[in-house]
Protein backbone atom coordinates (compact mmCIF):
# COMPACT_ATOMS: atom_id res chain seq x y z
CA MET A 1 -124.43 -61.45 50.40
CA ARG A 2 -121.13 -60.82 48.61
CA ALA A 3 -119.16 -57.83 49.87
CA PRO A 4 -118.74 -54.96 47.38
CA ASP A 5 -115.45 -54.88 45.48
CA ASP A 6 -114.86 -51.15 45.93
CA ILE A 7 -114.34 -50.97 49.69
CA VAL A 8 -110.95 -50.53 51.37
CA ARG A 9 -109.65 -53.83 52.69
CA VAL A 10 -106.87 -54.62 55.10
CA GLY A 11 -105.57 -57.39 52.87
CA THR A 12 -105.13 -61.08 53.59
CA ALA A 13 -107.23 -62.21 56.53
CA SER A 14 -105.13 -62.74 59.66
CA PRO A 15 -104.72 -66.38 60.71
CA LEU A 16 -104.92 -65.14 64.30
CA VAL A 17 -108.45 -63.87 63.68
CA GLY A 18 -109.37 -67.25 62.20
CA VAL A 19 -108.08 -69.09 65.29
CA ALA A 20 -109.94 -66.73 67.64
CA ARG A 21 -113.19 -67.15 65.73
CA GLU A 22 -112.84 -70.91 65.90
CA ALA A 23 -112.18 -70.71 69.65
CA PHE A 24 -115.31 -68.59 70.14
CA ARG A 25 -117.31 -71.07 68.04
CA LEU A 26 -116.12 -74.09 69.98
CA GLY A 27 -116.32 -72.63 73.48
CA ASP A 28 -114.60 -74.26 76.49
CA VAL A 29 -111.18 -73.30 75.10
CA ASP A 30 -108.07 -72.10 76.95
CA PHE A 31 -107.91 -68.69 75.30
CA LEU A 32 -104.21 -67.77 75.14
CA CYS A 33 -104.18 -66.19 71.68
CA PHE A 34 -105.16 -62.60 72.47
CA GLY A 35 -103.11 -59.93 74.23
CA GLU A 36 -105.42 -59.95 77.21
CA SER A 37 -105.11 -61.14 80.77
CA ASP A 38 -107.81 -62.78 82.86
CA HIS A 39 -106.75 -60.55 85.77
CA PRO A 40 -109.47 -58.10 86.84
CA ALA A 41 -109.02 -54.38 86.25
CA PRO A 42 -108.16 -52.20 89.25
CA ALA A 43 -111.07 -52.05 91.68
CA SER A 44 -110.38 -48.33 92.06
CA ALA A 45 -110.90 -47.85 88.31
CA VAL A 46 -114.18 -49.77 88.32
CA ALA A 47 -115.42 -47.73 91.27
CA ALA A 48 -114.39 -44.44 89.64
CA LEU A 49 -116.19 -45.36 86.44
CA ARG A 50 -119.34 -46.27 88.34
CA ASP A 51 -119.21 -43.04 90.35
CA ALA A 52 -118.73 -40.97 87.19
CA LEU A 53 -121.77 -42.59 85.59
CA GLU A 54 -123.85 -41.92 88.68
CA ARG A 55 -122.75 -38.27 88.54
CA GLY A 56 -123.92 -38.09 84.94
CA GLU A 57 -120.49 -37.71 83.32
CA THR A 58 -121.76 -38.95 79.99
CA ARG A 59 -121.46 -35.89 77.77
CA TYR A 60 -118.86 -34.84 75.23
CA PRO A 61 -115.50 -34.17 76.92
CA ASP A 62 -112.60 -32.02 75.77
CA ILE A 63 -111.45 -33.75 72.57
CA ARG A 64 -107.86 -33.67 73.84
CA GLY A 65 -108.85 -35.46 77.06
CA LEU A 66 -109.94 -34.35 80.50
CA PRO A 67 -107.39 -31.81 81.79
CA VAL A 68 -107.03 -33.72 85.05
CA LEU A 69 -106.11 -36.91 83.17
CA ARG A 70 -103.66 -35.10 80.90
CA THR A 71 -101.98 -33.57 83.94
CA ALA A 72 -101.82 -36.94 85.70
CA LEU A 73 -100.31 -38.60 82.62
CA ALA A 74 -97.70 -35.86 82.28
CA ALA A 75 -96.68 -36.30 85.92
CA TYR A 76 -96.63 -40.09 85.57
CA LEU A 77 -94.44 -40.04 82.46
CA SER A 78 -92.11 -37.37 83.85
CA THR A 79 -91.52 -39.52 86.93
CA LEU A 80 -91.08 -42.73 84.95
CA HIS A 81 -88.65 -41.40 82.33
CA ARG A 82 -85.49 -39.33 82.33
CA ARG A 83 -86.98 -36.30 80.62
CA VAL A 84 -89.94 -34.17 81.55
CA VAL A 85 -93.07 -34.75 79.48
CA ALA A 86 -95.13 -31.57 79.68
CA GLU A 87 -98.93 -31.66 79.83
CA PRO A 88 -99.37 -29.70 76.54
CA ARG A 89 -97.82 -32.68 74.74
CA ILE A 90 -100.46 -35.18 75.96
CA ALA A 91 -103.59 -36.13 74.02
CA VAL A 92 -106.02 -38.80 75.27
CA THR A 93 -107.27 -41.36 72.72
CA ALA A 94 -109.82 -44.15 72.62
CA SER A 95 -107.24 -46.97 73.07
CA GLY A 96 -103.65 -47.55 72.02
CA MET A 97 -104.74 -48.53 68.53
CA ALA A 98 -106.62 -45.25 68.24
CA ALA A 99 -103.40 -43.48 69.20
CA VAL A 100 -101.57 -45.28 66.37
CA ASN A 101 -104.41 -44.45 63.99
CA VAL A 102 -104.26 -40.74 64.85
CA ALA A 103 -100.47 -40.67 64.52
CA PHE A 104 -100.61 -42.39 61.13
CA SER A 105 -103.39 -40.03 60.03
CA ALA A 106 -101.10 -37.12 60.79
CA LEU A 107 -98.06 -38.56 59.05
CA LEU A 108 -98.85 -41.03 56.26
CA ARG A 109 -100.01 -40.30 52.76
CA GLU A 110 -100.43 -42.58 49.76
CA GLY A 111 -97.06 -43.74 48.46
CA ASP A 112 -95.18 -42.97 51.70
CA VAL A 113 -92.91 -45.65 53.11
CA ALA A 114 -93.50 -46.94 56.65
CA VAL A 115 -90.80 -49.10 58.21
CA VAL A 116 -91.86 -51.70 60.77
CA VAL A 117 -89.55 -53.67 63.05
CA SER A 118 -90.82 -57.24 62.76
CA PRO A 119 -92.18 -59.63 64.02
CA SER A 120 -94.76 -57.09 65.09
CA TRP A 121 -98.35 -56.67 66.12
CA PRO A 122 -100.01 -56.70 62.67
CA ASN A 123 -102.47 -53.81 63.10
CA PRO A 124 -100.07 -50.89 62.46
CA ALA A 125 -98.64 -52.37 59.26
CA ASN A 126 -102.13 -53.18 58.02
CA LEU A 127 -103.29 -49.68 58.91
CA ALA A 128 -100.41 -48.19 56.94
CA ARG A 129 -101.38 -50.29 53.92
CA THR A 130 -104.99 -49.11 54.08
CA ARG A 131 -103.63 -45.57 53.81
CA GLY A 132 -101.80 -46.49 50.62
CA ALA A 133 -98.37 -46.57 52.24
CA VAL A 134 -95.63 -49.03 51.33
CA VAL A 135 -94.55 -51.13 54.31
CA ARG A 136 -90.94 -52.24 54.67
CA GLU A 137 -90.29 -54.83 57.36
CA VAL A 138 -86.96 -55.11 59.13
CA ALA A 139 -86.72 -58.48 60.86
CA LEU A 140 -85.27 -58.77 64.33
CA VAL A 141 -82.31 -61.12 64.39
CA HIS A 142 -83.02 -64.34 66.28
CA GLY A 143 -79.99 -66.02 67.83
CA GLU A 144 -78.78 -67.73 70.98
CA ALA A 145 -79.07 -64.44 72.88
CA GLY A 146 -82.68 -64.02 71.82
CA PHE A 147 -83.90 -61.24 69.54
CA THR A 148 -81.78 -58.22 68.62
CA VAL A 149 -82.15 -55.36 66.15
CA ASP A 150 -79.82 -55.06 63.14
CA LEU A 151 -79.10 -51.33 63.02
CA ASP A 152 -77.39 -51.57 59.61
CA ALA A 153 -80.44 -53.26 58.09
CA LEU A 154 -82.65 -50.68 59.76
CA GLU A 155 -80.65 -47.78 58.33
CA HIS A 156 -80.91 -49.27 54.86
CA ALA A 157 -84.70 -49.66 55.20
CA LEU A 158 -85.14 -46.10 56.51
CA ALA A 159 -83.70 -44.49 53.40
CA GLY A 160 -86.55 -42.52 51.83
CA ALA A 161 -89.05 -43.55 54.51
CA ARG A 162 -91.64 -41.31 56.12
CA LEU A 163 -91.90 -43.07 59.48
CA LEU A 164 -90.60 -45.89 61.61
CA PHE A 165 -93.05 -47.85 63.73
CA LEU A 166 -91.22 -49.17 66.77
CA ASN A 167 -92.79 -51.47 69.36
CA SER A 168 -90.53 -52.03 72.37
CA PRO A 169 -91.05 -54.04 74.51
CA ASN A 170 -92.10 -56.00 71.49
CA ASN A 171 -95.24 -57.98 70.81
CA PRO A 172 -94.83 -60.92 70.09
CA THR A 173 -91.14 -61.56 70.86
CA GLY A 174 -90.63 -59.88 74.23
CA TRP A 175 -87.57 -58.08 72.79
CA CYS A 176 -86.60 -54.85 74.55
CA ALA A 177 -84.59 -52.17 72.80
CA SER A 178 -81.66 -51.12 74.95
CA ASP A 179 -80.84 -47.50 75.68
CA ALA A 180 -77.99 -47.81 73.19
CA ASP A 181 -80.41 -49.18 70.55
CA LEU A 182 -82.85 -46.33 71.12
CA ALA A 183 -80.17 -43.65 71.02
CA ALA A 184 -78.87 -45.10 67.75
CA ILE A 185 -82.36 -45.36 66.25
CA LEU A 186 -83.17 -41.77 67.21
CA ALA A 187 -79.89 -40.58 65.68
CA LEU A 188 -80.64 -42.44 62.43
CA CYS A 189 -84.13 -40.99 62.19
CA ARG A 190 -82.89 -37.48 62.92
CA LYS A 191 -80.28 -37.81 60.20
CA LEU A 192 -82.77 -39.12 57.65
CA GLY A 193 -85.72 -36.91 58.63
CA VAL A 194 -87.86 -39.94 59.55
CA TRP A 195 -90.66 -39.74 62.11
CA ILE A 196 -90.74 -42.30 64.92
CA VAL A 197 -94.07 -43.67 66.10
CA SER A 198 -93.26 -45.69 69.21
CA ASP A 199 -95.69 -48.09 70.85
CA ASP A 200 -94.75 -48.23 74.56
CA VAL A 201 -97.81 -50.14 75.74
CA TYR A 202 -95.76 -52.90 77.44
CA SER A 203 -93.18 -50.59 79.01
CA ARG A 204 -94.18 -51.42 82.59
CA LEU A 205 -94.24 -55.20 82.04
CA VAL A 206 -90.49 -55.74 82.26
CA PHE A 207 -88.98 -58.46 84.46
CA ASP A 208 -85.49 -57.20 85.36
CA GLY A 209 -86.45 -55.17 88.40
CA ARG A 210 -86.87 -51.84 86.64
CA GLU A 211 -90.06 -49.83 86.86
CA ALA A 212 -90.13 -49.45 83.09
CA ALA A 213 -88.26 -50.58 80.00
CA PRO A 214 -86.07 -48.07 78.14
CA SER A 215 -88.19 -45.74 76.04
CA ILE A 216 -87.61 -43.24 73.28
CA LEU A 217 -89.04 -40.77 75.83
CA ASP A 218 -85.78 -41.18 77.76
CA HIS A 219 -83.85 -39.78 74.78
CA ALA A 220 -86.00 -37.55 72.56
CA GLU A 221 -86.23 -33.79 72.84
CA PRO A 222 -89.68 -32.15 72.92
CA ASP A 223 -89.28 -30.97 69.31
CA ASP A 224 -88.07 -34.28 67.88
CA ARG A 225 -90.14 -36.01 65.21
CA VAL A 226 -91.43 -38.53 67.71
CA MET A 227 -94.92 -39.64 68.72
CA VAL A 228 -95.35 -42.16 71.53
CA CYS A 229 -98.49 -44.29 71.86
CA ASN A 230 -99.64 -45.97 75.04
CA SER A 231 -102.73 -47.43 76.67
CA PHE A 232 -104.28 -48.58 79.93
CA SER A 233 -105.09 -51.94 78.34
CA LYS A 234 -102.00 -53.94 79.26
CA ALA A 235 -100.23 -52.81 82.46
CA TRP A 236 -103.56 -52.00 84.12
CA ALA A 237 -105.52 -54.93 82.59
CA MET A 238 -108.15 -52.47 81.30
CA THR A 239 -108.63 -53.76 77.76
CA GLY A 240 -112.35 -53.04 77.61
CA PHE A 241 -112.12 -49.48 78.96
CA ARG A 242 -110.65 -48.20 75.66
CA VAL A 243 -108.41 -45.42 76.97
CA GLY A 244 -105.01 -44.61 75.52
CA TRP A 245 -102.84 -41.59 74.96
CA LEU A 246 -100.34 -39.94 72.65
CA VAL A 247 -97.23 -37.92 73.46
CA VAL A 248 -96.64 -35.50 70.58
CA PRO A 249 -93.99 -32.87 69.82
CA ASP A 250 -94.28 -29.41 71.30
CA GLY A 251 -96.94 -27.28 69.63
CA LEU A 252 -98.78 -30.10 67.83
CA ARG A 253 -101.46 -31.12 70.30
CA ASP A 254 -104.23 -28.90 68.95
CA GLU A 255 -103.66 -30.22 65.42
CA ILE A 256 -103.65 -33.77 66.80
CA GLY A 257 -106.86 -32.92 68.64
CA GLU A 258 -108.50 -32.07 65.32
CA LEU A 259 -107.56 -35.53 64.06
CA ILE A 260 -108.97 -37.12 67.21
CA GLU A 261 -112.20 -35.19 66.49
CA VAL A 262 -112.59 -36.70 63.02
CA THR A 263 -111.32 -40.14 64.04
CA HIS A 264 -113.33 -40.97 67.15
CA SER A 265 -114.56 -37.68 68.68
CA GLY A 266 -112.90 -38.11 72.03
CA VAL A 267 -113.03 -40.60 74.90
CA ALA A 268 -115.96 -41.26 77.22
CA PRO A 269 -115.46 -39.12 80.33
CA PHE A 270 -116.45 -41.95 82.69
CA ALA A 271 -113.73 -44.15 81.16
CA GLN A 272 -111.24 -41.31 81.64
CA ARG A 273 -112.22 -41.10 85.32
CA ALA A 274 -111.39 -44.80 85.60
CA ALA A 275 -107.99 -44.12 84.01
CA ILE A 276 -107.27 -41.34 86.53
CA ALA A 277 -108.01 -43.74 89.38
CA ALA A 278 -105.82 -46.43 87.84
CA LEU A 279 -102.86 -44.05 87.60
CA ALA A 280 -103.24 -43.23 91.29
CA ASP A 281 -103.30 -46.93 92.24
CA ASP A 282 -99.53 -47.28 92.77
CA ALA A 283 -99.63 -50.93 93.81
CA PHE A 284 -101.64 -52.31 90.90
CA VAL A 285 -98.95 -52.37 88.19
CA ALA A 286 -96.38 -53.97 90.49
CA ASN A 287 -98.87 -56.63 91.56
CA PHE A 288 -99.94 -57.29 87.99
CA ARG A 289 -96.31 -57.55 86.88
CA ALA A 290 -95.79 -60.20 89.57
CA TYR A 291 -98.90 -62.01 88.29
CA CYS A 292 -97.38 -62.05 84.81
CA ALA A 293 -94.01 -63.19 86.18
CA ARG A 294 -95.68 -66.24 87.73
CA GLY A 295 -97.16 -67.11 84.36
CA ARG A 296 -93.80 -66.62 82.68
CA ALA A 297 -92.17 -69.01 85.17
CA ILE A 298 -94.75 -71.69 84.32
CA VAL A 299 -94.05 -71.38 80.60
CA ASP A 300 -90.29 -71.22 81.17
CA ALA A 301 -90.37 -74.49 83.12
CA ALA A 302 -92.59 -76.21 80.57
CA PHE A 303 -90.43 -75.40 77.54
CA ALA A 304 -86.97 -75.47 79.12
CA ASP A 305 -85.87 -78.77 77.59
CA VAL A 306 -88.48 -79.94 75.09
CA PRO A 307 -86.99 -81.59 71.98
CA GLY A 308 -87.89 -79.72 68.82
CA VAL A 309 -88.75 -76.53 70.70
CA ARG A 310 -86.56 -73.44 70.84
CA TYR A 311 -87.65 -70.99 73.49
CA ARG A 312 -86.07 -68.16 75.44
CA SER A 313 -87.77 -66.46 78.36
CA PRO A 314 -88.96 -63.00 77.29
CA ALA A 315 -87.40 -59.91 78.86
CA ALA A 316 -90.76 -58.15 78.92
CA THR A 317 -94.45 -58.21 77.84
CA PHE A 318 -96.70 -61.12 78.78
CA TYR A 319 -96.06 -63.34 75.76
CA ALA A 320 -94.10 -66.52 75.16
CA PHE A 321 -92.89 -66.73 71.56
CA VAL A 322 -92.10 -70.39 71.00
CA GLN A 323 -90.23 -71.69 67.94
CA ILE A 324 -91.04 -75.21 66.77
CA GLU A 325 -88.50 -77.03 64.68
CA GLY A 326 -89.60 -77.65 61.10
CA LEU A 327 -92.83 -75.68 61.43
CA THR A 328 -93.75 -73.97 58.15
CA ASP A 329 -97.46 -73.23 58.63
CA SER A 330 -98.11 -71.83 62.07
CA GLY A 331 -101.68 -70.96 61.10
CA ALA A 332 -102.54 -74.57 60.37
CA LEU A 333 -100.86 -75.68 63.58
CA ALA A 334 -102.76 -73.14 65.67
CA MET A 335 -106.02 -74.29 64.13
CA ARG A 336 -105.16 -77.91 64.97
CA LEU A 337 -104.39 -76.95 68.55
CA VAL A 338 -107.68 -75.16 69.08
CA ARG A 339 -109.70 -77.98 67.52
CA GLU A 340 -107.83 -80.97 68.96
CA GLN A 341 -106.45 -79.66 72.25
CA ARG A 342 -108.88 -76.80 72.97
CA ILE A 343 -105.92 -74.43 73.33
CA ALA A 344 -106.01 -71.19 71.34
CA VAL A 345 -102.58 -69.78 70.55
CA ALA A 346 -101.54 -67.11 68.06
CA PRO A 347 -99.73 -68.30 64.92
CA GLY A 348 -96.36 -66.63 64.52
CA GLY A 349 -96.95 -66.05 60.83
CA ALA A 350 -99.58 -63.46 61.75
CA PHE A 351 -96.81 -61.17 63.00
CA GLY A 352 -94.98 -60.68 59.74
CA LEU A 353 -91.41 -61.24 58.63
CA GLY A 354 -89.55 -63.60 60.93
CA GLY A 355 -92.65 -64.82 62.72
CA GLU A 356 -93.35 -68.00 60.81
CA GLY A 357 -92.28 -71.14 62.65
CA PHE A 358 -93.40 -69.74 66.01
CA ILE A 359 -96.52 -69.73 68.14
CA ARG A 360 -97.35 -67.02 70.68
CA LEU A 361 -99.23 -67.52 73.90
CA CYS A 362 -100.28 -65.00 76.52
CA PHE A 363 -99.13 -66.11 79.99
CA ALA A 364 -100.88 -63.35 81.99
CA GLN A 365 -103.38 -65.95 83.14
CA ASP A 366 -104.48 -67.75 86.27
CA SER A 367 -101.58 -70.03 87.23
CA ARG A 368 -103.59 -73.21 87.65
CA ARG A 369 -105.41 -72.86 84.35
CA LEU A 370 -102.24 -71.85 82.53
CA GLU A 371 -100.28 -74.78 83.94
CA GLN A 372 -102.93 -77.24 82.79
CA ALA A 373 -103.02 -75.74 79.29
CA VAL A 374 -99.25 -75.65 78.91
CA THR A 375 -98.96 -79.22 80.18
CA ARG A 376 -101.37 -80.37 77.47
CA LEU A 377 -99.45 -78.37 74.91
CA LYS A 378 -96.14 -79.87 76.01
CA ARG A 379 -97.53 -83.41 75.83
CA SER A 380 -98.59 -82.74 72.26
CA VAL A 381 -95.16 -81.58 71.05
CA ALA A 382 -94.55 -84.84 69.19
CA ASP A 383 -97.59 -84.07 67.04
CA LEU A 384 -96.98 -80.36 66.58
CA VAL A 385 -94.75 -80.44 63.52
CA PRO A 386 -96.79 -81.39 60.44
CA CYS A 387 -95.57 -84.45 58.57
CA ASP A 388 -94.20 -83.90 55.04
């Protein structure tokens, strides 16, 4: 049956979705294309969820989140960052993407301009487009030092904009905004009256010895035009639990709660109990970060000196963003890899401006399986670049 013409569409189908569907169809594929680890979720979270179900915690919760979870998140963020994040600024959402959706619902109207630092996870830009917003991409600069942000180009793009979507640490590049970058970005947005929606979901997966990457939460005042999105999906390996949160300006949580009500009507209380247990499990994030670091070391060694491949070890996240010389259709290449090598990777072109010519793979995987997959990928380098 042909789909109706009068429904809202995201736009061009993502080549990443096409690769994933092909991997599911084929089966027996090394699945490195999604932002998901094979590491199990915290045992404490699983036990807490089970206990909550057995207690019958299956009814509607407070739309803003369980008070005990909001309090725990406020304490966690206040410890992690330089400025106190008060509990009345916390709202619990059904995933990080739900947090972005609620923030965009509050801020974007048809014809507004949303600026996205790119390459970037495609969902926020596509969400902005479905709301009738105009998306301006500002490409990260890729050089010998890795990826950096061009603040002059960003200032130019922000003129007349409604919001800036900032993802740091960045998916797919692993770029981390420095404290100086964040202070400058905040100053620009204050000057121009632009809201910042910051996705901090990878903040704990940083490999320089810090507990967390620099965040806009280290710099912003409680009344700044800043909303920060986060989730338990990445640092706690809880992708299927669907629990995230928003930090909003002082005095806005009840209004944001109304948007949560009409967007997804709150978060399952048993899943929130799992999130509370995960926050209390101090060792899990450190152990998971070490798990990711082992995967990063495998990819680093594999691509250190491969002709035709330009790769720099990421500062954060759990992704390798690998540039292949002469590659002009990363979607076609990724489809070849999944069909011929049984390795599913994400095509760089799916991540917007500056992403074409790259492939992304998630290295938060079992070391033995990852090493085998990357070895096959490395052996195939001679065939990776399509012939003219």
